[in-house]
C-alpha cells in the first residue's frame, strides 16, 4: 500500500465518506491502495471531477485510445 501525507489521508477520508453510497467505492479503494488505477475514457471525467472536488493532486497518462492511467501525486 502507498503511504500518504497526513493531509492526503484527510482528503481520502473525506472522499470515502462521500463515495460510500456511490458505485465508485471499489475504484477509489484501489486507487488509495496502489496510488494508480486504469480507467476507461467513458468514466474518466467523473473520477477526475471527484478528485478535483477534494483538491487531490493527480496525473493522467493516456495508455491507448480508450484506457488511461490515473495516478495520485504525493504531496
C-alpha atoms as a PDB file:
ATOM      1  CA  UNK A   1       0.000   0.000   0.000  1.00  0.00           C
ATOM      2  CA  UNK A   2       1.154   3.500  -0.797  1.00  0.00           C
ATOM      3  CA  UNK A   3       1.868   5.868   2.058  1.00  0.00           C
ATOM      4  CA  UNK A   4       0.397   9.359   2.032  1.00  0.00           C
ATOM      5  CA  UNK A   5       0.966  12.571   3.906  1.00  0.00           C
ATOM      6  CA  UNK A   6      -1.384  13.366   6.775  1.00  0.00           C
ATOM      7  CA  UNK A   7      -3.040  15.995   4.586  1.00  0.00           C
ATOM      8  CA  UNK A   8      -3.716  13.476   1.815  1.00  0.00           C
ATOM      9  CA  UNK A   9      -5.015  10.920   4.328  1.00  0.00           C
ATOM     10  CA  UNK A  10      -7.539  13.532   5.475  1.00  0.00           C
ATOM     11  CA  UNK A  11      -8.588  14.196   1.861  1.00  0.00           C
ATOM     12  CA  UNK A  12      -9.091  10.482   1.237  1.00  0.00           C
ATOM     13  CA  UNK A  13     -11.120  10.159   4.459  1.00  0.00           C
ATOM     14  CA  UNK A  14     -13.494  12.903   3.298  1.00  0.00           C
ATOM     15  CA  UNK A  15     -13.674  11.423  -0.185  1.00  0.00           C
ATOM     16  CA  UNK A  16     -14.560   7.962   1.185  1.00  0.00           C
ATOM     17  CA  UNK A  17     -17.337   9.439   3.336  1.00  0.00           C
ATOM     18  CA  UNK A  18     -18.982  10.842   0.209  1.00  0.00           C
ATOM     19  CA  UNK A  19     -18.493   7.957  -2.218  1.00  0.00           C
ATOM     20  CA  UNK A  20     -19.515   5.110   0.102  1.00  0.00           C
ATOM     21  CA  UNK A  21     -23.075   5.312  -1.271  1.00  0.00           C
ATOM     22  CA  UNK A  22     -21.984   5.599  -4.884  1.00  0.00           C
ATOM     23  CA  UNK A  23     -20.704   2.859  -7.209  1.00  0.00           C
ATOM     24  CA  UNK A  24     -17.221   4.390  -7.076  1.00  0.00           C
ATOM     25  CA  UNK A  25     -16.072   2.926  -3.755  1.00  0.00           C
ATOM     26  CA  UNK A  26     -14.196  -0.010  -5.318  1.00  0.00           C
ATOM     27  CA  UNK A  27     -12.418   2.331  -7.735  1.00  0.00           C
ATOM     28  CA  UNK A  28     -11.240   4.685  -5.000  1.00  0.00           C
ATOM     29  CA  UNK A  29     -10.220   1.807  -2.711  1.00  0.00           C
ATOM     30  CA  UNK A  30      -7.925   0.503  -5.444  1.00  0.00           C
ATOM     31  CA  UNK A  31      -6.611   3.990  -6.202  1.00  0.00           C
ATOM     32  CA  UNK A  32      -5.902   4.538  -2.500  1.00  0.00           C
ATOM     33  CA  UNK A  33      -4.106   1.209  -2.044  1.00  0.00           C
ATOM     34  CA  UNK A  34      -1.949   1.325  -5.165  1.00  0.00           C
ATOM     35  CA  UNK A  35      -1.638   5.026  -5.986  1.00  0.00           C
ATOM     36  CA  UNK A  36      -2.868   4.475  -9.545  1.00  0.00           C
ATOM     37  CA  UNK A  37      -5.626   2.766 -11.496  1.00  0.00           C
ATOM     38  CA  UNK A  38      -6.576   2.126 -15.114  1.00  0.00           C
ATOM     39  CA  UNK A  39      -9.796   3.795 -16.185  1.00  0.00           C
ATOM     40  CA  UNK A  40     -11.710   3.866 -19.459  1.00  0.00           C
ATOM     41  CA  UNK A  41     -12.352   7.197 -21.149  1.00  0.00           C
ATOM     42  CA  UNK A  42     -16.110   6.812 -20.584  1.00  0.00           C
ATOM     43  CA  UNK A  43     -15.623   7.141 -16.807  1.00  0.00           C
ATOM     44  CA  UNK A  44     -12.516   9.313 -16.642  1.00  0.00           C
ATOM     45  CA  UNK A  45     -14.279  12.677 -16.287  1.00  0.00           C
ATOM     46  CA  UNK A  46     -16.433  11.515 -13.371  1.00  0.00           C
ATOM     47  CA  UNK A  47     -13.413  10.294 -11.399  1.00  0.00           C
ATOM     48  CA  UNK A  48     -11.421  13.419 -12.242  1.00  0.00           C
ATOM     49  CA  UNK A  49     -14.253  15.669 -11.056  1.00  0.00           C
ATOM     50  CA  UNK A  50     -14.414  13.804  -7.728  1.00  0.00           C
ATOM     51  CA  UNK A  51     -10.653  14.122  -7.215  1.00  0.00           C
ATOM     52  CA  UNK A  52     -10.777  17.821  -8.068  1.00  0.00           C
ATOM     53  CA  UNK A  53     -13.607  18.326  -5.569  1.00  0.00           C
ATOM     54  CA  UNK A  54     -11.229  17.196  -2.803  1.00  0.00           C
ATOM     55  CA  UNK A  55      -8.181  19.003  -4.261  1.00  0.00           C
ATOM     56  CA  UNK A  56      -6.380  15.679  -4.602  1.00  0.00           C
ATOM     57  CA  UNK A  57      -3.287  16.081  -6.824  1.00  0.00           C
ATOM     58  CA  UNK A  58      -3.197  13.597  -9.692  1.00  0.00           C
ATOM     59  CA  UNK A  59      -1.771  12.932 -13.149  1.00  0.00           C
ATOM     60  CA  UNK A  60      -3.354  11.303 -16.161  1.00  0.00           C
ATOM     61  CA  UNK A  61      -1.411   9.291 -18.710  1.00  0.00           C
ATOM     62  CA  UNK A  62      -3.029   8.024 -21.879  1.00  0.00           C
ATOM     63  CA  UNK A  63      -2.338   4.349 -22.427  1.00  0.00           C
ATOM     64  CA  UNK A  64      -4.180   3.964 -25.743  1.00  0.00           C
ATOM     65  CA  UNK A  65      -7.307   5.338 -27.416  1.00  0.00           C
ATOM     66  CA  UNK A  66      -9.592   4.092 -24.621  1.00  0.00           C
ATOM     67  CA  UNK A  67      -7.573   3.408 -21.449  1.00  0.00           C
ATOM     68  CA  UNK A  68      -5.956   5.966 -19.175  1.00  0.00           C
ATOM     69  CA  UNK A  69      -3.829   5.638 -16.059  1.00  0.00           C
ATOM     70  CA  UNK A  70      -4.901   7.910 -13.220  1.00  0.00           C
ATOM     71  CA  UNK A  71      -2.090   8.429 -10.675  1.00  0.00           C
ATOM     72  CA  UNK A  72      -2.120  10.161  -7.310  1.00  0.00           C
ATOM     73  CA  UNK A  73       0.737  12.622  -6.852  1.00  0.00           C
ATOM     74  CA  UNK A  74       2.213  12.523  -3.364  1.00  0.00           C
ATOM     75  CA  UNK A  75       2.236  15.830  -1.501  1.00  0.00           C
END
